[in-house]
Protein backbone atom coordinates (compact mmCIF):
# COMPACT_ATOMS: atom_id res chain seq x y z
CA MET A 1 28.70 22.20 -45.26
CA ASN A 2 32.03 22.92 -44.43
CA ASP A 3 30.10 26.65 -43.64
CA ASP A 4 27.55 24.68 -41.79
CA LEU A 5 29.82 23.05 -39.18
CA ASN A 6 32.00 26.64 -38.29
CA LEU A 7 28.61 28.44 -37.64
CA VAL A 8 27.87 25.42 -35.19
CA GLU A 9 31.42 25.90 -33.76
CA THR A 10 30.94 29.72 -33.58
CA GLU A 11 28.04 29.97 -32.01
CA SER A 12 29.33 27.15 -29.32
CA MET A 13 32.63 29.44 -28.83
CA SER A 14 30.55 32.34 -28.29
CA ASP A 15 28.36 31.01 -26.03
CA ALA A 16 31.04 29.72 -23.90
CA ASN A 17 33.05 33.51 -24.15
CA THR A 18 29.52 34.41 -22.57
CA LEU A 19 28.80 33.16 -19.57
CA PRO A 20 30.14 34.88 -16.50
CA GLY A 21 34.39 33.95 -15.49
CA VAL A 22 34.89 31.59 -18.18
CA ILE A 23 37.75 32.40 -20.17
CA ALA A 24 37.22 30.00 -23.23
CA GLU A 25 39.85 31.92 -25.33
CA LEU A 26 42.68 30.57 -23.49
CA GLY A 27 41.97 27.11 -23.80
CA GLU A 28 41.38 26.96 -27.22
CA LEU A 29 44.58 28.41 -27.91
CA LYS A 30 47.69 26.07 -28.95
CA PRO A 31 50.13 25.22 -26.15
CA GLY A 32 53.12 26.82 -27.46
CA SER A 33 51.31 29.95 -28.60
CA ILE A 34 52.98 33.34 -27.11
CA ILE A 35 50.56 35.83 -25.43
CA THR A 36 51.76 39.38 -24.12
CA GLU A 37 50.59 41.17 -21.28
CA GLU A 38 48.48 43.07 -23.27
CA GLY A 39 47.11 39.83 -24.42
CA ILE A 40 46.52 38.47 -21.04
CA ALA A 41 44.83 41.64 -20.33
CA LYS A 42 42.40 41.90 -22.74
CA LEU A 43 41.91 38.30 -22.04
CA PHE A 44 40.80 38.27 -18.43
CA GLN A 45 39.17 41.88 -19.34
CA ARG A 46 42.09 43.70 -17.21
CA HIS A 47 44.30 46.54 -17.72
CA VAL A 48 48.89 45.90 -18.22
CA VAL A 49 49.27 46.62 -14.40
CA SER A 50 46.85 44.55 -12.62
CA VAL A 51 48.70 41.69 -15.29
CA LYS A 52 51.97 43.14 -13.66
CA ARG A 53 50.66 42.69 -10.29
CA ALA A 54 49.38 39.28 -10.31
CA VAL A 55 53.01 38.67 -11.17
CA GLN A 56 53.70 40.15 -8.30
CA ARG A 57 51.56 38.60 -5.84
CA GLY A 58 52.23 35.08 -7.52
CA GLU A 59 48.94 34.61 -9.64
CA LEU A 60 50.56 34.04 -12.76
CA PRO A 61 53.96 32.63 -13.09
CA PRO A 62 56.92 35.49 -14.38
CA PRO A 63 57.27 35.98 -17.89
CA CYS A 64 60.28 35.80 -19.98
CA LYS A 65 61.17 38.59 -22.30
CA LEU A 66 61.13 38.44 -26.21
CA PHE A 67 62.29 41.78 -28.02
CA GLY A 68 61.35 43.69 -25.04
CA ALA A 69 58.05 42.33 -24.25
CA ASN A 70 57.23 40.06 -21.44
CA VAL A 71 55.65 37.07 -22.63
CA TRP A 72 54.36 33.70 -21.75
CA THR A 73 53.21 30.25 -23.69
CA VAL A 74 49.67 29.66 -23.28
CA GLY A 75 50.75 25.85 -21.88
CA THR A 76 52.94 27.84 -19.10
CA LEU A 77 49.76 29.63 -17.78
CA ILE A 78 47.64 26.62 -18.21
CA ARG A 79 49.46 24.39 -16.06
CA TYR A 80 50.85 26.94 -13.75
CA ILE A 81 47.16 27.97 -12.73
CA GLU A 82 46.53 24.07 -12.40
CA THR A 83 49.36 23.91 -10.35
CA ARG A 84 47.69 26.37 -7.79
CA LEU A 85 44.42 24.85 -8.14
CA GLU A 86 45.44 21.36 -6.75
CA GLN A 87 47.52 23.40 -3.96
CA ALA A 88 44.94 25.10 -3.25
CA SER A 89 42.82 21.69 -3.17
CA ASP A 90 45.41 19.99 -1.29
CA GLU A 91 45.56 22.88 1.76
CA ALA A 92 42.00 22.49 2.09
CA GLU A 93 42.05 19.43 2.55
CA HIS A 94 44.68 19.21 5.21
CA THR A 95 42.79 22.55 6.79
CA ALA A 96 39.92 20.45 7.34
CA LYS A 97 41.64 17.32 8.48
CA ARG A 98 43.17 19.60 11.45
CA LEU A 99 39.71 21.26 12.41
CA ALA A 100 38.50 17.86 12.40
CA LYS A 101 41.12 16.72 14.95
CA LEU A 102 40.29 19.77 16.89
CA SER A 103 36.53 19.73 16.59
CA PRO A 104 35.23 18.97 20.48
CA VAL A 105 33.34 15.14 19.74
CA SER A 106 29.88 15.70 20.02
CA ARG A 107 28.38 14.11 22.97
CA SER A 108 26.64 11.12 21.85
CA HIS A 109 30.54 9.98 20.73
CA ARG A 110 31.89 10.59 23.83
CA ARG A 111 30.59 7.06 25.85
């Protein structure tokens, strides 16, 4: 029975991993797990240089050094991404409100 459960869990994980753009593995790791540049590159199917550039652009948080390697905790990465998503949502809402104020009023509302 345990083997059946493991098989189902493995099948559902592989289904999630086959969806384009879904990085399920990051969410499956414990928040305290340490991940290297190489690990992030593999996870996102990018080159290590792309990870370094993502840090420079502010898309990823700055790493810390551990035994000479750049590392993060999974929790730090997820919190950083969630914060950026919240900021993007707030900016989009602010922009929509600003545009609504600048948009001309339709003729039916001008009377």
